[in-house]
Amino acid sequence: MSHTDQEWLTLSQAAELLGVHPTTLRRWCDNGDIPVKLTPGGHRRFRRTELAAYLEREDHPSTAEQNTARVWADFALIETRQRLVQQQPQPHWVNAFDSQRRDEKRELGRRLMGLIMQHISMPDNDYQLLVEAKSIAARHAHNCYEAGLSAAEGLEATAFFRDTMTEVALQMPQVAQLGGDIQMRLLRKLNQVFNIVQVHFVDYYDSVANQRKE
């Protein structure tokens, strides 16, 4: 057996391999779903071969979560594009992004939706997932600034996407079949993440603008 097969991975490396957020991987470990080793310093380590075996299981938690997130993301992005085409007159920010920035916006949207879907079952007072939301906000702000948009226009784009995402979530069969309490939990998570994104969007946009002025 090669050295690579025996390689131990950090939490972030293992999460990347599994395609989930580190917070989700912590939850799976706490539930006993994934083998984990603690170092003397209390850090989690994962054996690559055990993660590979876990991915081959048909019942591992990531399958349903990732599939639902992917369907939701694709549905919302399609709906967003259709609404943008149909909306007249179109907002200034619609045509401000070149093809590369539009691709990045789609990727940010997928990350945001995956984040919300992966953490719908997390406790309401668990804010570790919001670290990723802040990262998304920073990239969105940088993207808008480089495209020559004002902070207000960037927030308008965020609000448009937020409204579409909320409506799509309620229309999806996977969500519609959930109980009322779980639906409300999903909407709270969605609003919680978007609130963080909008606040940190403004903070990051202002910091970038101030740096460019100096």
N, C-alpha and C. Protein backbone atom coordinates (compact mmCIF):
# COMPACT_ATOMS: atom_id res chain seq x y z
N MET A 1 0.85 -1.20 0.00
CA MET A 1 0.00 0.00 0.00
C MET A 1 0.88 1.24 0.00
N SER A 2 0.57 2.19 -0.85
CA SER A 2 1.43 3.36 -1.00
C SER A 2 1.26 4.32 0.16
N HIS A 3 2.23 5.24 0.25
CA HIS A 3 2.18 6.27 1.29
C HIS A 3 0.95 7.15 1.12
N THR A 4 0.58 7.42 -0.18
CA THR A 4 -0.57 8.29 -0.44
C THR A 4 -1.85 7.67 0.11
N ASP A 5 -1.98 6.33 0.00
CA ASP A 5 -3.18 5.66 0.48
C ASP A 5 -3.34 5.83 1.98
N GLN A 6 -2.20 5.97 2.69
CA GLN A 6 -2.23 6.09 4.14
C GLN A 6 -2.23 7.55 4.60
N GLU A 7 -2.31 8.46 3.65
CA GLU A 7 -2.18 9.87 3.99
C GLU A 7 -3.30 10.34 4.91
N TRP A 8 -2.91 11.09 5.93
CA TRP A 8 -3.87 11.69 6.85
C TRP A 8 -4.17 13.12 6.39
N LEU A 9 -5.43 13.49 6.37
CA LEU A 9 -5.85 14.80 5.88
C LEU A 9 -6.38 15.65 7.03
N THR A 10 -6.20 16.95 6.90
CA THR A 10 -6.77 17.88 7.88
C THR A 10 -8.28 17.99 7.64
N LEU A 11 -8.96 18.71 8.52
CA LEU A 11 -10.40 18.90 8.37
C LEU A 11 -10.74 19.59 7.06
N SER A 12 -10.03 20.66 6.74
CA SER A 12 -10.32 21.40 5.50
C SER A 12 -10.02 20.56 4.27
N GLN A 13 -8.94 19.78 4.30
CA GLN A 13 -8.60 18.93 3.17
C GLN A 13 -9.63 17.83 2.98
N ALA A 14 -10.08 17.23 4.09
CA ALA A 14 -11.09 16.18 4.01
C ALA A 14 -12.42 16.72 3.52
N ALA A 15 -12.78 17.92 3.99
CA ALA A 15 -14.04 18.54 3.55
C ALA A 15 -14.00 18.82 2.05
N GLU A 16 -12.86 19.28 1.56
CA GLU A 16 -12.72 19.54 0.13
C GLU A 16 -12.84 18.26 -0.67
N LEU A 17 -12.25 17.18 -0.17
CA LEU A 17 -12.32 15.90 -0.85
C LEU A 17 -13.76 15.39 -0.92
N LEU A 18 -14.52 15.60 0.16
CA LEU A 18 -15.90 15.14 0.21
C LEU A 18 -16.86 16.11 -0.48
N GLY A 19 -16.40 17.34 -0.75
CA GLY A 19 -17.25 18.32 -1.40
C GLY A 19 -18.26 18.96 -0.50
N VAL A 20 -17.92 19.10 0.80
CA VAL A 20 -18.84 19.71 1.75
C VAL A 20 -18.10 20.79 2.53
N HIS A 21 -18.85 21.59 3.29
CA HIS A 21 -18.27 22.62 4.13
C HIS A 21 -17.66 21.95 5.37
N PRO A 22 -16.55 22.47 5.91
CA PRO A 22 -15.96 21.89 7.13
C PRO A 22 -16.93 21.75 8.29
N THR A 23 -17.87 22.69 8.41
CA THR A 23 -18.85 22.59 9.48
C THR A 23 -19.71 21.34 9.33
N THR A 24 -20.06 21.02 8.09
CA THR A 24 -20.84 19.80 7.84
C THR A 24 -20.05 18.57 8.22
N LEU A 25 -18.76 18.56 7.89
CA LEU A 25 -17.92 17.41 8.22
C LEU A 25 -17.79 17.26 9.72
N ARG A 26 -17.69 18.35 10.45
CA ARG A 26 -17.66 18.27 11.92
C ARG A 26 -18.92 17.60 12.45
N ARG A 27 -20.05 17.98 11.88
CA ARG A 27 -21.32 17.41 12.34
C ARG A 27 -21.36 15.91 12.08
N TRP A 28 -20.89 15.49 10.89
CA TRP A 28 -20.88 14.06 10.58
C TRP A 28 -19.98 13.30 11.56
N CYS A 29 -18.85 13.91 11.91
CA CYS A 29 -17.95 13.28 12.87
C CYS A 29 -18.62 13.16 14.24
N ASP A 30 -19.27 14.23 14.67
CA ASP A 30 -19.94 14.22 15.97
C ASP A 30 -21.05 13.18 16.01
N ASN A 31 -21.67 12.92 14.83
CA ASN A 31 -22.73 11.91 14.76
C ASN A 31 -22.19 10.49 14.61
N GLY A 32 -20.87 10.37 14.45
CA GLY A 32 -20.26 9.05 14.28
C GLY A 32 -20.37 8.51 12.88
N ASP A 33 -20.65 9.38 11.89
CA ASP A 33 -20.80 8.92 10.52
C ASP A 33 -19.46 8.68 9.82
N ILE A 34 -18.43 9.38 10.26
CA ILE A 34 -17.13 9.30 9.60
C ILE A 34 -16.04 9.01 10.63
N PRO A 35 -15.11 8.06 10.35
CA PRO A 35 -14.00 7.80 11.26
C PRO A 35 -13.08 9.01 11.34
N VAL A 36 -12.64 9.35 12.53
CA VAL A 36 -11.77 10.50 12.71
C VAL A 36 -10.79 10.21 13.83
N LYS A 37 -9.61 10.78 13.71
CA LYS A 37 -8.58 10.63 14.74
C LYS A 37 -8.23 12.01 15.27
N LEU A 38 -8.10 12.12 16.58
CA LEU A 38 -7.71 13.38 17.19
C LEU A 38 -6.22 13.37 17.50
N THR A 39 -5.55 14.45 17.14
CA THR A 39 -4.13 14.59 17.47
C THR A 39 -4.00 14.97 18.94
N PRO A 40 -2.80 14.87 19.52
CA PRO A 40 -2.62 15.30 20.91
C PRO A 40 -3.07 16.75 21.14
N GLY A 41 -3.03 17.55 20.10
CA GLY A 41 -3.45 18.95 20.22
C GLY A 41 -4.95 19.15 20.02
N GLY A 42 -5.69 18.05 19.77
CA GLY A 42 -7.13 18.14 19.62
C GLY A 42 -7.61 18.41 18.21
N HIS A 43 -6.73 18.30 17.22
CA HIS A 43 -7.11 18.54 15.83
C HIS A 43 -7.60 17.24 15.18
N ARG A 44 -8.58 17.35 14.30
CA ARG A 44 -9.14 16.18 13.62
C ARG A 44 -8.27 15.81 12.42
N ARG A 45 -8.07 14.49 12.26
CA ARG A 45 -7.34 13.97 11.11
C ARG A 45 -8.14 12.83 10.50
N PHE A 46 -8.12 12.75 9.16
CA PHE A 46 -8.91 11.77 8.44
C PHE A 46 -8.02 10.98 7.50
N ARG A 47 -8.21 9.65 7.47
CA ARG A 47 -7.42 8.82 6.56
C ARG A 47 -8.07 8.84 5.18
N ARG A 48 -7.25 9.10 4.18
CA ARG A 48 -7.76 9.23 2.81
C ARG A 48 -8.52 7.98 2.37
N THR A 49 -8.00 6.80 2.67
CA THR A 49 -8.64 5.56 2.23
C THR A 49 -10.02 5.40 2.86
N GLU A 50 -10.17 5.84 4.12
CA GLU A 50 -11.47 5.72 4.79
C GLU A 50 -12.48 6.69 4.18
N LEU A 51 -12.01 7.87 3.77
CA LEU A 51 -12.90 8.82 3.12
C LEU A 51 -13.35 8.31 1.75
N ALA A 52 -12.41 7.67 1.04
CA ALA A 52 -12.76 7.10 -0.27
C ALA A 52 -13.82 6.01 -0.12
N ALA A 53 -13.68 5.19 0.91
CA ALA A 53 -14.66 4.13 1.16
C ALA A 53 -16.01 4.74 1.54
N TYR A 54 -15.96 5.83 2.28
CA TYR A 54 -17.19 6.51 2.70
C TYR A 54 -17.95 7.05 1.50
N LEU A 55 -17.22 7.61 0.53
CA LEU A 55 -17.85 8.16 -0.66
C LEU A 55 -18.53 7.09 -1.51
N GLU A 56 -18.05 5.85 -1.40
CA GLU A 56 -18.62 4.76 -2.19
C GLU A 56 -19.92 4.23 -1.59
N ARG A 57 -20.20 4.59 -0.34
CA ARG A 57 -21.45 4.16 0.30
C ARG A 57 -22.62 4.90 -0.33
N GLU A 58 -23.71 4.19 -0.57
CA GLU A 58 -24.89 4.81 -1.18
C GLU A 58 -25.71 5.58 -0.16
N ASP A 59 -25.46 5.33 1.14
CA ASP A 59 -26.31 5.94 2.16
C ASP A 59 -25.62 7.08 2.90
N HIS A 60 -24.46 7.54 2.40
CA HIS A 60 -23.78 8.59 3.16
C HIS A 60 -24.54 9.90 3.05
N PRO A 61 -24.53 10.73 4.09
CA PRO A 61 -25.38 11.92 4.16
C PRO A 61 -25.17 12.91 3.04
N SER A 62 -23.97 12.97 2.49
CA SER A 62 -23.70 14.02 1.50
C SER A 62 -24.50 13.84 0.22
N THR A 63 -24.91 12.60 -0.09
CA THR A 63 -25.59 12.35 -1.35
C THR A 63 -26.88 13.15 -1.47
N ALA A 64 -27.78 13.01 -0.52
CA ALA A 64 -29.06 13.71 -0.58
C ALA A 64 -28.86 15.21 -0.48
N GLU A 65 -27.97 15.64 0.41
CA GLU A 65 -27.74 17.07 0.60
C GLU A 65 -27.19 17.71 -0.65
N GLN A 66 -26.20 17.08 -1.25
CA GLN A 66 -25.57 17.67 -2.43
C GLN A 66 -26.51 17.64 -3.63
N ASN A 67 -27.29 16.55 -3.78
CA ASN A 67 -28.22 16.47 -4.89
C ASN A 67 -29.29 17.55 -4.78
N THR A 68 -29.83 17.73 -3.57
CA THR A 68 -30.85 18.75 -3.37
C THR A 68 -30.28 20.14 -3.63
N ALA A 69 -29.07 20.39 -3.11
CA ALA A 69 -28.44 21.69 -3.31
C ALA A 69 -28.18 21.95 -4.78
N ARG A 70 -27.75 20.91 -5.49
CA ARG A 70 -27.45 21.08 -6.92
C ARG A 70 -28.71 21.39 -7.72
N VAL A 71 -29.79 20.64 -7.42
CA VAL A 71 -31.06 20.88 -8.12
C VAL A 71 -31.56 22.29 -7.83
N TRP A 72 -31.50 22.67 -6.56
CA TRP A 72 -31.96 24.00 -6.16
C TRP A 72 -31.14 25.09 -6.85
N ALA A 73 -29.82 24.90 -6.85
CA ALA A 73 -28.94 25.89 -7.46
C ALA A 73 -29.22 26.03 -8.94
N ASP A 74 -29.32 24.91 -9.64
CA ASP A 74 -29.55 24.96 -11.08
C ASP A 74 -30.91 25.58 -11.40
N PHE A 75 -31.92 25.19 -10.65
CA PHE A 75 -33.27 25.72 -10.86
C PHE A 75 -33.29 27.24 -10.65
N ALA A 76 -32.68 27.70 -9.57
CA ALA A 76 -32.69 29.13 -9.24
C ALA A 76 -31.89 29.93 -10.26
N LEU A 77 -30.77 29.40 -10.71
CA LEU A 77 -29.96 30.13 -11.68
C LEU A 77 -30.69 30.26 -13.02
N ILE A 78 -31.37 29.19 -13.43
CA ILE A 78 -32.15 29.25 -14.66
C ILE A 78 -33.28 30.27 -14.52
N GLU A 79 -33.97 30.21 -13.38
CA GLU A 79 -35.07 31.14 -13.13
C GLU A 79 -34.56 32.58 -13.09
N THR A 80 -33.39 32.79 -12.49
CA THR A 80 -32.82 34.14 -12.42
C THR A 80 -32.53 34.68 -13.80
N ARG A 81 -31.92 33.86 -14.64
CA ARG A 81 -31.60 34.31 -16.00
C ARG A 81 -32.87 34.64 -16.79
N GLN A 82 -33.91 33.80 -16.63
CA GLN A 82 -35.15 34.05 -17.35
C GLN A 82 -35.79 35.36 -16.90
N ARG A 83 -35.77 35.60 -15.60
CA ARG A 83 -36.37 36.84 -15.09
C ARG A 83 -35.59 38.07 -15.54
N LEU A 84 -34.28 37.93 -15.62
CA LEU A 84 -33.47 39.06 -16.07
C LEU A 84 -33.75 39.40 -17.52
N VAL A 85 -33.96 38.38 -18.34
CA VAL A 85 -34.26 38.61 -19.76
C VAL A 85 -35.63 39.27 -19.91
N GLN A 86 -36.58 38.82 -19.08
CA GLN A 86 -37.95 39.31 -19.20
C GLN A 86 -38.15 40.69 -18.58
N GLN A 87 -37.29 41.05 -17.63
CA GLN A 87 -37.48 42.31 -16.93
C GLN A 87 -37.12 43.49 -17.81
N GLN A 88 -38.05 44.41 -17.96
CA GLN A 88 -37.84 45.61 -18.77
C GLN A 88 -38.32 46.84 -18.01
N PRO A 89 -37.55 47.93 -18.00
CA PRO A 89 -36.17 47.98 -18.50
C PRO A 89 -35.23 47.23 -17.57
N GLN A 90 -34.13 46.76 -18.11
CA GLN A 90 -33.19 46.00 -17.31
C GLN A 90 -32.36 46.93 -16.43
N PRO A 91 -32.09 46.52 -15.19
CA PRO A 91 -31.23 47.32 -14.31
C PRO A 91 -29.83 47.46 -14.90
N HIS A 92 -29.15 48.53 -14.51
CA HIS A 92 -27.81 48.79 -15.02
C HIS A 92 -26.86 47.65 -14.72
N TRP A 93 -27.00 47.04 -13.53
CA TRP A 93 -26.04 46.02 -13.13
C TRP A 93 -26.12 44.74 -13.96
N VAL A 94 -27.22 44.55 -14.70
CA VAL A 94 -27.38 43.33 -15.49
C VAL A 94 -26.28 43.22 -16.55
N ASN A 95 -25.99 44.32 -17.22
CA ASN A 95 -25.02 44.31 -18.32
C ASN A 95 -23.63 44.77 -17.90
N ALA A 96 -23.42 44.94 -16.61
CA ALA A 96 -22.13 45.45 -16.14
C ALA A 96 -21.06 44.36 -16.08
N PHE A 97 -21.49 43.10 -16.04
CA PHE A 97 -20.54 42.00 -15.87
C PHE A 97 -20.19 41.37 -17.21
N ASP A 98 -18.89 41.15 -17.42
CA ASP A 98 -18.48 40.42 -18.61
C ASP A 98 -18.72 38.92 -18.39
N SER A 99 -18.41 38.11 -19.39
CA SER A 99 -18.71 36.68 -19.32
C SER A 99 -17.98 36.01 -18.16
N GLN A 100 -16.73 36.43 -17.89
CA GLN A 100 -15.97 35.83 -16.81
C GLN A 100 -16.62 36.13 -15.46
N ARG A 101 -17.03 37.38 -15.26
CA ARG A 101 -17.66 37.74 -13.99
C ARG A 101 -19.03 37.10 -13.85
N ARG A 102 -19.72 36.90 -14.95
CA ARG A 102 -21.02 36.22 -14.88
C ARG A 102 -20.84 34.77 -14.46
N ASP A 103 -19.80 34.13 -14.98
CA ASP A 103 -19.51 32.75 -14.57
C ASP A 103 -19.20 32.69 -13.08
N GLU A 104 -18.46 33.69 -12.61
CA GLU A 104 -18.14 33.72 -11.18
C GLU A 104 -19.40 33.94 -10.35
N LYS A 105 -20.31 34.78 -10.85
CA LYS A 105 -21.56 35.00 -10.12
C LYS A 105 -22.36 33.70 -10.02
N ARG A 106 -22.37 32.92 -11.08
CA ARG A 106 -23.09 31.64 -11.04
C ARG A 106 -22.45 30.71 -10.01
N GLU A 107 -21.12 30.69 -9.97
CA GLU A 107 -20.43 29.84 -9.01
C GLU A 107 -20.69 30.30 -7.59
N LEU A 108 -20.71 31.61 -7.36
CA LEU A 108 -21.03 32.12 -6.03
C LEU A 108 -22.45 31.73 -5.63
N GLY A 109 -23.37 31.77 -6.58
CA GLY A 109 -24.74 31.37 -6.30
C GLY A 109 -24.83 29.91 -5.90
N ARG A 110 -24.10 29.06 -6.59
CA ARG A 110 -24.09 27.63 -6.24
C ARG A 110 -23.49 27.41 -4.86
N ARG A 111 -22.42 28.12 -4.57
CA ARG A 111 -21.80 27.99 -3.24
C ARG A 111 -22.77 28.42 -2.15
N LEU A 112 -23.48 29.52 -2.41
CA LEU A 112 -24.41 30.04 -1.42
C LEU A 112 -25.56 29.08 -1.17
N MET A 113 -26.11 28.52 -2.23
CA MET A 113 -27.21 27.58 -2.07
C MET A 113 -26.75 26.29 -1.40
N GLY A 114 -25.61 25.79 -1.82
CA GLY A 114 -25.08 24.59 -1.18
C GLY A 114 -24.85 24.81 0.30
N LEU A 115 -24.37 25.99 0.63
CA LEU A 115 -24.12 26.34 2.03
C LEU A 115 -25.41 26.28 2.84
N ILE A 116 -26.47 26.88 2.31
CA ILE A 116 -27.74 26.90 3.03
C ILE A 116 -28.32 25.49 3.17
N MET A 117 -28.29 24.72 2.09
CA MET A 117 -28.87 23.38 2.13
C MET A 117 -28.08 22.45 3.04
N GLN A 118 -26.77 22.56 3.04
CA GLN A 118 -25.94 21.70 3.88
C GLN A 118 -26.17 21.96 5.35
N HIS A 119 -26.53 23.19 5.68
CA HIS A 119 -26.60 23.57 7.08
C HIS A 119 -28.02 23.80 7.59
N ILE A 120 -28.99 23.34 6.84
CA ILE A 120 -30.36 23.51 7.29
C ILE A 120 -30.62 22.77 8.60
N SER A 121 -29.89 21.68 8.82
CA SER A 121 -30.11 20.88 10.03
C SER A 121 -29.22 21.32 11.19
N MET A 122 -28.40 22.35 10.97
CA MET A 122 -27.54 22.81 12.04
C MET A 122 -28.35 23.60 13.06
N PRO A 123 -27.88 23.64 14.34
CA PRO A 123 -28.58 24.44 15.36
C PRO A 123 -28.65 25.90 14.95
N ASP A 124 -29.72 26.58 15.37
CA ASP A 124 -29.90 27.98 15.00
C ASP A 124 -28.79 28.87 15.53
N ASN A 125 -28.17 28.46 16.64
CA ASN A 125 -27.13 29.29 17.23
C ASN A 125 -25.73 28.91 16.75
N ASP A 126 -25.63 28.09 15.71
CA ASP A 126 -24.33 27.69 15.17
C ASP A 126 -24.00 28.61 13.99
N TYR A 127 -23.03 29.50 14.18
CA TYR A 127 -22.73 30.51 13.18
C TYR A 127 -21.44 30.21 12.40
N GLN A 128 -20.91 28.99 12.52
CA GLN A 128 -19.66 28.69 11.82
C GLN A 128 -19.85 28.75 10.31
N LEU A 129 -21.05 28.39 9.83
CA LEU A 129 -21.29 28.41 8.39
C LEU A 129 -21.19 29.82 7.82
N LEU A 130 -21.36 30.83 8.66
CA LEU A 130 -21.38 32.20 8.16
C LEU A 130 -19.99 32.69 7.75
N VAL A 131 -18.95 31.96 8.15
CA VAL A 131 -17.60 32.29 7.67
C VAL A 131 -17.56 32.17 6.16
N GLU A 132 -18.17 31.13 5.64
CA GLU A 132 -18.23 30.95 4.19
C GLU A 132 -19.08 32.03 3.55
N ALA A 133 -20.17 32.43 4.21
CA ALA A 133 -21.02 33.50 3.68
C ALA A 133 -20.24 34.80 3.56
N LYS A 134 -19.38 35.08 4.54
CA LYS A 134 -18.56 36.29 4.49
C LYS A 134 -17.58 36.24 3.31
N SER A 135 -17.05 35.06 3.05
CA SER A 135 -16.14 34.91 1.92
C SER A 135 -16.86 35.17 0.60
N ILE A 136 -18.08 34.66 0.50
CA ILE A 136 -18.87 34.91 -0.71
C ILE A 136 -19.17 36.39 -0.86
N ALA A 137 -19.50 37.06 0.25
CA ALA A 137 -19.79 38.49 0.20
C ALA A 137 -18.58 39.27 -0.28
N ALA A 138 -17.39 38.90 0.18
CA ALA A 138 -16.17 39.60 -0.22
C ALA A 138 -15.93 39.46 -1.72
N ARG A 139 -16.12 38.26 -2.25
CA ARG A 139 -15.90 38.05 -3.69
C ARG A 139 -16.95 38.81 -4.51
N HIS A 140 -18.17 38.81 -4.02
CA HIS A 140 -19.24 39.54 -4.73
C HIS A 140 -18.94 41.03 -4.74
N ALA A 141 -18.51 41.58 -3.61
CA ALA A 141 -18.19 43.01 -3.53
C ALA A 141 -17.04 43.37 -4.45
N HIS A 142 -15.99 42.56 -4.43
CA HIS A 142 -14.83 42.82 -5.28
C HIS A 142 -15.23 42.78 -6.76
N ASN A 143 -16.07 41.79 -7.10
CA ASN A 143 -16.55 41.64 -8.46
C ASN A 143 -17.33 42.87 -8.91
N CYS A 144 -18.23 43.35 -8.04
CA CYS A 144 -19.05 44.52 -8.37
C CYS A 144 -18.20 45.77 -8.51
N TYR A 145 -17.24 45.94 -7.60
CA TYR A 145 -16.38 47.13 -7.64
C TYR A 145 -15.58 47.15 -8.94
N GLU A 146 -15.01 46.00 -9.30
CA GLU A 146 -14.21 45.94 -10.52
C GLU A 146 -15.07 46.18 -11.76
N ALA A 147 -16.37 45.85 -11.67
CA ALA A 147 -17.27 46.06 -12.81
C ALA A 147 -17.78 47.50 -12.88
N GLY A 148 -17.38 48.33 -11.89
CA GLY A 148 -17.78 49.74 -11.90
C GLY A 148 -19.15 49.99 -11.31
N LEU A 149 -19.69 49.04 -10.54
CA LEU A 149 -20.99 49.21 -9.92
C LEU A 149 -20.86 49.90 -8.58
N SER A 150 -21.87 50.65 -8.21
CA SER A 150 -21.91 51.26 -6.88
C SER A 150 -22.33 50.20 -5.87
N ALA A 151 -22.16 50.52 -4.59
CA ALA A 151 -22.58 49.58 -3.55
C ALA A 151 -24.09 49.35 -3.62
N ALA A 152 -24.84 50.41 -3.91
CA ALA A 152 -26.30 50.28 -4.01
C ALA A 152 -26.70 49.34 -5.13
N GLU A 153 -26.01 49.42 -6.26
CA GLU A 153 -26.31 48.54 -7.39
C GLU A 153 -25.95 47.10 -7.07
N GLY A 154 -24.85 46.91 -6.35
CA GLY A 154 -24.47 45.57 -5.93
C GLY A 154 -25.49 44.96 -4.98
N LEU A 155 -26.01 45.77 -4.08
CA LEU A 155 -27.04 45.29 -3.15
C LEU A 155 -28.34 45.00 -3.90
N GLU A 156 -28.63 45.79 -4.92
CA GLU A 156 -29.83 45.53 -5.72
C GLU A 156 -29.74 44.18 -6.40
N ALA A 157 -28.56 43.85 -6.92
CA ALA A 157 -28.36 42.55 -7.55
C ALA A 157 -28.52 41.43 -6.52
N THR A 158 -28.00 41.64 -5.31
CA THR A 158 -28.12 40.65 -4.25
C THR A 158 -29.58 40.43 -3.87
N ALA A 159 -30.33 41.52 -3.76
CA ALA A 159 -31.75 41.43 -3.40
C ALA A 159 -32.54 40.69 -4.48
N PHE A 160 -32.20 40.92 -5.73
CA PHE A 160 -32.88 40.23 -6.83
C PHE A 160 -32.65 38.73 -6.72
N PHE A 161 -31.42 38.34 -6.48
CA PHE A 161 -31.08 36.93 -6.36
C PHE A 161 -31.72 36.32 -5.11
N ARG A 162 -31.74 37.09 -4.03
CA ARG A 162 -32.34 36.61 -2.78
C ARG A 162 -33.83 36.31 -2.97
N ASP A 163 -34.55 37.22 -3.62
CA ASP A 163 -35.97 37.02 -3.85
C ASP A 163 -36.23 35.79 -4.71
N THR A 164 -35.43 35.65 -5.76
CA THR A 164 -35.59 34.50 -6.65
C THR A 164 -35.30 33.20 -5.92
N MET A 165 -34.23 33.18 -5.15
CA MET A 165 -33.86 31.98 -4.43
C MET A 165 -34.95 31.56 -3.45
N THR A 166 -35.54 32.53 -2.76
CA THR A 166 -36.59 32.22 -1.80
C THR A 166 -37.81 31.62 -2.49
N GLU A 167 -38.22 32.21 -3.60
CA GLU A 167 -39.38 31.70 -4.32
C GLU A 167 -39.12 30.31 -4.88
N VAL A 168 -37.93 30.10 -5.41
CA VAL A 168 -37.58 28.79 -5.96
C VAL A 168 -37.56 27.73 -4.86
N ALA A 169 -37.03 28.09 -3.71
CA ALA A 169 -36.98 27.13 -2.60
C ALA A 169 -38.36 26.64 -2.22
N LEU A 170 -39.33 27.55 -2.21
CA LEU A 170 -40.69 27.18 -1.82
C LEU A 170 -41.40 26.41 -2.93
N GLN A 171 -40.94 26.54 -4.17
CA GLN A 171 -41.56 25.84 -5.28
C GLN A 171 -41.01 24.43 -5.49
N MET A 172 -39.81 24.16 -4.98
CA MET A 172 -39.18 22.87 -5.19
C MET A 172 -39.95 21.76 -4.47
N PRO A 173 -40.21 20.64 -5.15
CA PRO A 173 -40.88 19.51 -4.50
C PRO A 173 -40.14 19.02 -3.26
N GLN A 174 -38.78 19.02 -3.31
CA GLN A 174 -38.01 18.56 -2.16
C GLN A 174 -38.28 19.42 -0.94
N VAL A 175 -38.56 20.71 -1.15
CA VAL A 175 -38.83 21.62 -0.05
C VAL A 175 -40.31 21.64 0.29
N ALA A 176 -41.15 21.59 -0.74
CA ALA A 176 -42.59 21.65 -0.53
C ALA A 176 -43.09 20.48 0.30
N GLN A 177 -42.41 19.33 0.22
CA GLN A 177 -42.83 18.15 0.97
C GLN A 177 -42.37 18.19 2.43
N LEU A 178 -41.55 19.14 2.77
CA LEU A 178 -41.10 19.24 4.15
C LEU A 178 -42.20 19.80 5.03
N GLY A 179 -42.12 19.50 6.32
CA GLY A 179 -43.09 20.04 7.26
C GLY A 179 -42.95 21.54 7.41
N GLY A 180 -43.99 22.16 7.96
CA GLY A 180 -43.98 23.61 8.10
C GLY A 180 -42.83 24.12 8.93
N ASP A 181 -42.49 23.42 10.01
CA ASP A 181 -41.39 23.85 10.86
C ASP A 181 -40.06 23.83 10.11
N ILE A 182 -39.87 22.80 9.29
CA ILE A 182 -38.61 22.68 8.55
C ILE A 182 -38.55 23.75 7.45
N GLN A 183 -39.68 24.03 6.83
CA GLN A 183 -39.71 25.10 5.83
C GLN A 183 -39.33 26.44 6.45
N MET A 184 -39.89 26.71 7.63
CA MET A 184 -39.56 27.96 8.32
C MET A 184 -38.09 27.99 8.69
N ARG A 185 -37.54 26.84 9.07
CA ARG A 185 -36.12 26.76 9.42
C ARG A 185 -35.27 27.07 8.19
N LEU A 186 -35.67 26.53 7.04
CA LEU A 186 -34.94 26.80 5.81
C LEU A 186 -34.94 28.28 5.49
N LEU A 187 -36.11 28.91 5.61
CA LEU A 187 -36.20 30.34 5.31
C LEU A 187 -35.40 31.17 6.30
N ARG A 188 -35.38 30.76 7.57
CA ARG A 188 -34.55 31.48 8.55
C ARG A 188 -33.09 31.37 8.18
N LYS A 189 -32.67 30.15 7.77
CA LYS A 189 -31.28 29.97 7.38
C LYS A 189 -30.95 30.82 6.16
N LEU A 190 -31.86 30.82 5.20
CA LEU A 190 -31.63 31.61 3.99
C LEU A 190 -31.51 33.08 4.32
N ASN A 191 -32.42 33.59 5.14
CA ASN A 191 -32.38 35.00 5.52
C ASN A 191 -31.14 35.32 6.35
N GLN A 192 -30.78 34.41 7.24
CA GLN A 192 -29.60 34.62 8.09
C GLN A 192 -28.36 34.76 7.22
N VAL A 193 -28.20 33.87 6.26
CA VAL A 193 -27.02 33.91 5.40
C VAL A 193 -27.02 35.17 4.54
N PHE A 194 -28.17 35.52 3.95
CA PHE A 194 -28.23 36.69 3.09
C PHE A 194 -28.02 37.98 3.88
N ASN A 195 -28.50 38.02 5.11
CA ASN A 195 -28.25 39.21 5.93
C ASN A 195 -26.75 39.40 6.14
N ILE A 196 -26.06 38.30 6.43
CA ILE A 196 -24.61 38.38 6.60
C ILE A 196 -23.93 38.80 5.30
N VAL A 197 -24.37 38.22 4.19
CA VAL A 197 -23.79 38.56 2.89
C VAL A 197 -23.95 40.05 2.60
N GLN A 198 -25.13 40.58 2.84
CA GLN A 198 -25.38 41.98 2.52
C GLN A 198 -24.58 42.94 3.41
N VAL A 199 -24.52 42.63 4.70
CA VAL A 199 -23.76 43.47 5.62
C VAL A 199 -22.28 43.47 5.26
N HIS A 200 -21.73 42.29 5.04
CA HIS A 200 -20.29 42.20 4.75
C HIS A 200 -19.97 42.64 3.32
N PHE A 201 -20.95 42.59 2.45
CA PHE A 201 -20.76 43.15 1.12
C PHE A 201 -20.44 44.64 1.23
N VAL A 202 -21.25 45.35 2.01
CA VAL A 202 -21.04 46.79 2.18
C VAL A 202 -19.71 47.07 2.85
N ASP A 203 -19.39 46.31 3.90
CA ASP A 203 -18.12 46.51 4.61
C ASP A 203 -16.93 46.31 3.68
N TYR A 204 -16.96 45.22 2.92
CA TYR A 204 -15.83 44.92 2.04
C TYR A 204 -15.76 45.92 0.89
N TYR A 205 -16.92 46.28 0.34
CA TYR A 205 -16.94 47.25 -0.76
C TYR A 205 -16.34 48.58 -0.30
N ASP A 206 -16.74 49.03 0.88
CA ASP A 206 -16.22 50.30 1.39
C ASP A 206 -14.72 50.23 1.63
N SER A 207 -14.25 49.09 2.14
CA SER A 207 -12.81 48.95 2.42
C SER A 207 -12.00 48.97 1.14
N VAL A 208 -12.52 48.31 0.09
CA VAL A 208 -11.82 48.31 -1.19
C VAL A 208 -11.82 49.71 -1.80
N ALA A 209 -12.96 50.38 -1.75
CA ALA A 209 -13.07 51.73 -2.29
C ALA A 209 -12.14 52.69 -1.58
N ASN A 210 -12.04 52.58 -0.25
CA ASN A 210 -11.16 53.45 0.53
C ASN A 210 -9.68 53.19 0.22
N GLN A 211 -9.34 51.91 0.01
CA GLN A 211 -7.96 51.57 -0.32
C GLN A 211 -7.56 52.15 -1.66
N ARG A 212 -8.48 52.14 -2.63
CA ARG A 212 -8.17 52.65 -3.96
C ARG A 212 -8.00 54.16 -3.95
N LYS A 213 -8.64 54.82 -2.99
CA LYS A 213 -8.55 56.28 -2.90
C LYS A 213 -7.23 56.73 -2.28
N GLU A 214 -6.62 55.85 -1.49
CA GLU A 214 -5.39 56.23 -0.77
C GLU A 214 -4.19 56.29 -1.71
